[in-house]
């Protein structure tokens, strides 16, 4: 079965994974329940962890660039 739906949930306030292999996302306005097997949860975790790492690296790079630019400005004064 193919399921395709976009849900604009805004703010995620809670995440729970039950022993019954159900992922529950609590958002503004209610809950989203998704039945997933353990392998699917592992794949989801891999994707999310990769995205978090990518965002952290981008933020560190941005901060390093800002620090370098600020340092250059101080040297010019």
N, C-alpha and C. Protein backbone atom coordinates (compact mmCIF):
# COMPACT_ATOMS: atom_id res chain seq x y z
N UNK A 1 0.84 -1.17 0.00
CA UNK A 1 0.00 0.00 0.00
C UNK A 1 0.90 1.24 0.00
N UNK A 2 0.59 2.19 -0.85
CA UNK A 2 1.31 3.44 -0.90
C UNK A 2 0.47 4.52 -0.23
N UNK A 3 1.10 5.22 0.72
CA UNK A 3 0.43 6.30 1.42
C UNK A 3 1.21 7.57 1.16
N UNK A 4 0.53 8.60 0.73
CA UNK A 4 1.18 9.88 0.47
C UNK A 4 0.31 10.99 1.03
N UNK A 5 0.87 11.71 1.98
CA UNK A 5 0.12 12.81 2.59
C UNK A 5 1.10 13.76 3.25
N UNK A 6 0.91 15.04 3.04
CA UNK A 6 1.72 16.05 3.69
C UNK A 6 0.89 16.65 4.81
N UNK A 7 1.48 16.66 6.01
CA UNK A 7 0.80 17.22 7.17
C UNK A 7 1.64 18.39 7.67
N UNK A 8 1.06 19.58 7.66
CA UNK A 8 1.75 20.75 8.18
C UNK A 8 1.43 20.84 9.67
N UNK A 9 2.31 20.23 10.49
CA UNK A 9 2.03 20.06 11.91
C UNK A 9 2.60 21.16 12.78
N UNK A 10 3.38 22.05 12.22
CA UNK A 10 4.01 23.14 12.97
C UNK A 10 4.96 22.61 14.03
N UNK A 11 4.60 22.72 15.29
CA UNK A 11 5.52 22.44 16.40
C UNK A 11 5.34 21.02 16.95
N UNK A 12 6.45 20.28 16.99
CA UNK A 12 6.47 18.95 17.57
C UNK A 12 6.76 19.08 19.06
N UNK A 13 5.82 18.65 19.90
CA UNK A 13 6.00 18.83 21.33
C UNK A 13 6.43 17.56 22.05
N UNK A 14 6.21 16.39 21.44
CA UNK A 14 6.59 15.15 22.10
C UNK A 14 6.74 14.03 21.07
N UNK A 15 7.66 13.12 21.35
CA UNK A 15 7.86 11.93 20.52
C UNK A 15 7.89 10.73 21.44
N UNK A 16 7.15 9.68 21.06
CA UNK A 16 7.12 8.46 21.86
C UNK A 16 7.13 7.26 20.93
N UNK A 17 7.94 6.26 21.26
CA UNK A 17 7.97 5.03 20.49
C UNK A 17 7.57 3.90 21.42
N UNK A 18 6.44 3.26 21.15
CA UNK A 18 5.90 2.25 22.04
C UNK A 18 6.51 0.87 21.78
N UNK A 19 6.32 -0.01 22.73
CA UNK A 19 6.77 -1.40 22.58
C UNK A 19 6.04 -2.07 21.42
N UNK A 20 4.91 -1.54 21.05
CA UNK A 20 4.12 -2.10 19.95
C UNK A 20 4.55 -1.58 18.59
N UNK A 21 5.77 -1.04 18.51
CA UNK A 21 6.32 -0.53 17.25
C UNK A 21 5.49 0.59 16.64
N UNK A 22 4.98 1.45 17.49
CA UNK A 22 4.21 2.59 17.00
C UNK A 22 4.92 3.87 17.41
N UNK A 23 5.18 4.71 16.42
CA UNK A 23 5.79 6.01 16.64
C UNK A 23 4.67 7.02 16.80
N UNK A 24 4.68 7.75 17.92
CA UNK A 24 3.65 8.75 18.16
C UNK A 24 4.31 10.12 18.21
N UNK A 25 3.85 11.02 17.35
CA UNK A 25 4.33 12.40 17.31
C UNK A 25 3.20 13.29 17.80
N UNK A 26 3.44 14.02 18.87
CA UNK A 26 2.44 14.94 19.38
C UNK A 26 2.78 16.32 18.85
N UNK A 27 1.80 16.93 18.18
CA UNK A 27 1.99 18.22 17.53
C UNK A 27 0.85 19.14 17.93
N UNK A 28 1.01 20.42 17.55
CA UNK A 28 -0.09 21.35 17.78
C UNK A 28 -1.34 20.81 17.08
N UNK A 29 -2.37 20.56 17.85
CA UNK A 29 -3.62 20.11 17.26
C UNK A 29 -3.87 18.62 17.36
N UNK A 30 -2.94 17.82 17.88
CA UNK A 30 -3.22 16.40 18.00
C UNK A 30 -2.00 15.51 17.94
N UNK A 31 -2.24 14.26 17.56
CA UNK A 31 -1.17 13.25 17.49
C UNK A 31 -1.16 12.59 16.12
N UNK A 32 0.03 12.18 15.72
CA UNK A 32 0.20 11.40 14.50
C UNK A 32 0.80 10.07 14.95
N UNK A 33 0.13 8.98 14.65
CA UNK A 33 0.60 7.66 15.01
C UNK A 33 1.02 6.92 13.74
N UNK A 34 2.22 6.35 13.77
CA UNK A 34 2.75 5.64 12.62
C UNK A 34 3.26 4.28 13.09
N UNK A 35 2.74 3.21 12.51
CA UNK A 35 3.18 1.85 12.83
C UNK A 35 4.39 1.53 11.97
N UNK A 36 5.54 1.29 12.60
CA UNK A 36 6.79 1.02 11.89
C UNK A 36 7.47 -0.19 12.49
N UNK A 37 8.10 -0.99 11.64
CA UNK A 37 8.89 -2.10 12.17
C UNK A 37 10.26 -1.57 12.63
N UNK A 38 11.00 -2.41 13.31
CA UNK A 38 12.28 -1.98 13.89
C UNK A 38 13.28 -1.52 12.83
N UNK A 39 13.31 -2.19 11.70
CA UNK A 39 14.24 -1.79 10.63
C UNK A 39 13.90 -0.40 10.09
N UNK A 40 12.63 -0.11 9.98
CA UNK A 40 12.20 1.22 9.52
C UNK A 40 12.61 2.30 10.52
N UNK A 41 12.49 1.99 11.81
CA UNK A 41 12.91 2.94 12.85
C UNK A 41 14.41 3.18 12.75
N UNK A 42 15.19 2.12 12.50
CA UNK A 42 16.64 2.28 12.35
C UNK A 42 16.97 3.18 11.16
N UNK A 43 16.27 2.97 10.04
CA UNK A 43 16.52 3.81 8.86
C UNK A 43 16.14 5.26 9.13
N UNK A 44 15.04 5.45 9.82
CA UNK A 44 14.61 6.81 10.19
C UNK A 44 15.65 7.47 11.08
N UNK A 45 16.16 6.74 12.06
CA UNK A 45 17.19 7.28 12.96
C UNK A 45 18.45 7.64 12.19
N UNK A 46 18.84 6.80 11.24
CA UNK A 46 20.04 7.07 10.44
C UNK A 46 19.88 8.36 9.65
N UNK A 47 18.73 8.53 9.02
CA UNK A 47 18.47 9.75 8.24
C UNK A 47 18.46 10.97 9.15
N UNK A 48 17.75 10.89 10.27
CA UNK A 48 17.67 12.03 11.19
C UNK A 48 19.03 12.38 11.78
N UNK A 49 19.79 11.37 12.20
CA UNK A 49 21.12 11.63 12.76
C UNK A 49 22.04 12.25 11.71
N UNK A 50 21.93 11.81 10.46
CA UNK A 50 22.72 12.40 9.39
C UNK A 50 22.37 13.86 9.16
N UNK A 51 21.08 14.16 9.18
CA UNK A 51 20.62 15.54 8.98
C UNK A 51 21.08 16.43 10.13
N UNK A 52 20.99 15.93 11.36
CA UNK A 52 21.44 16.70 12.52
C UNK A 52 22.93 16.99 12.40
N UNK A 53 23.71 16.00 12.04
CA UNK A 53 25.15 16.18 11.89
C UNK A 53 25.45 17.23 10.81
N UNK A 54 24.75 17.14 9.69
CA UNK A 54 24.94 18.09 8.60
C UNK A 54 24.62 19.52 9.05
N UNK A 55 23.52 19.69 9.77
CA UNK A 55 23.14 21.02 10.25
C UNK A 55 24.15 21.56 11.25
N UNK A 56 24.66 20.69 12.13
CA UNK A 56 25.67 21.13 13.10
C UNK A 56 26.96 21.54 12.41
N UNK A 57 27.37 20.80 11.37
CA UNK A 57 28.58 21.15 10.62
C UNK A 57 28.41 22.48 9.89
N UNK A 58 27.23 22.69 9.30
CA UNK A 58 26.96 23.96 8.62
C UNK A 58 26.99 25.12 9.60
N UNK A 59 26.42 24.92 10.79
CA UNK A 59 26.40 25.98 11.80
C UNK A 59 27.81 26.28 12.29
N UNK A 60 28.62 25.24 12.51
CA UNK A 60 30.00 25.44 12.95
C UNK A 60 30.80 26.19 11.88
N UNK A 61 30.57 25.85 10.62
CA UNK A 61 31.26 26.54 9.52
C UNK A 61 30.84 28.01 9.46
N UNK A 62 29.55 28.26 9.62
CA UNK A 62 29.04 29.64 9.60
C UNK A 62 29.65 30.46 10.75
N UNK A 63 29.72 29.85 11.93
CA UNK A 63 30.29 30.56 13.08
C UNK A 63 31.78 30.80 12.90
N UNK A 64 32.49 29.84 12.30
CA UNK A 64 33.92 30.02 12.05
C UNK A 64 34.15 31.16 11.06
N UNK A 65 33.30 31.25 10.03
CA UNK A 65 33.40 32.34 9.06
C UNK A 65 33.14 33.69 9.72
N UNK A 66 32.14 33.74 10.60
CA UNK A 66 31.84 34.99 11.32
C UNK A 66 33.00 35.39 12.22
N UNK A 67 33.58 34.42 12.92
CA UNK A 67 34.71 34.70 13.80
C UNK A 67 35.91 35.20 13.00
N UNK A 68 36.16 34.60 11.83
CA UNK A 68 37.28 35.02 10.99
C UNK A 68 37.06 36.43 10.47
N UNK A 69 35.84 36.74 10.06
CA UNK A 69 35.54 38.08 9.56
C UNK A 69 35.68 39.11 10.68
N UNK A 70 35.23 38.76 11.87
CA UNK A 70 35.34 39.67 13.02
C UNK A 70 36.81 39.89 13.38
N UNK A 71 37.60 38.84 13.31
CA UNK A 71 39.02 38.93 13.61
C UNK A 71 39.71 39.86 12.60
N UNK A 72 39.35 39.73 11.34
CA UNK A 72 39.92 40.58 10.30
C UNK A 72 39.58 42.05 10.54
N UNK A 73 38.33 42.30 10.96
CA UNK A 73 37.92 43.67 11.23
C UNK A 73 38.70 44.26 12.40
N UNK A 74 38.96 43.47 13.42
CA UNK A 74 39.72 43.95 14.57
C UNK A 74 41.17 44.24 14.20
N UNK A 75 41.73 43.42 13.30
CA UNK A 75 43.12 43.63 12.85
C UNK A 75 43.24 44.92 12.05
N UNK A 76 42.19 45.31 11.34
CA UNK A 76 42.22 46.51 10.51
C UNK A 76 42.15 47.77 11.37
N UNK A 77 41.65 47.67 12.56
CA UNK A 77 41.48 48.85 13.43
C UNK A 77 42.73 49.20 14.14
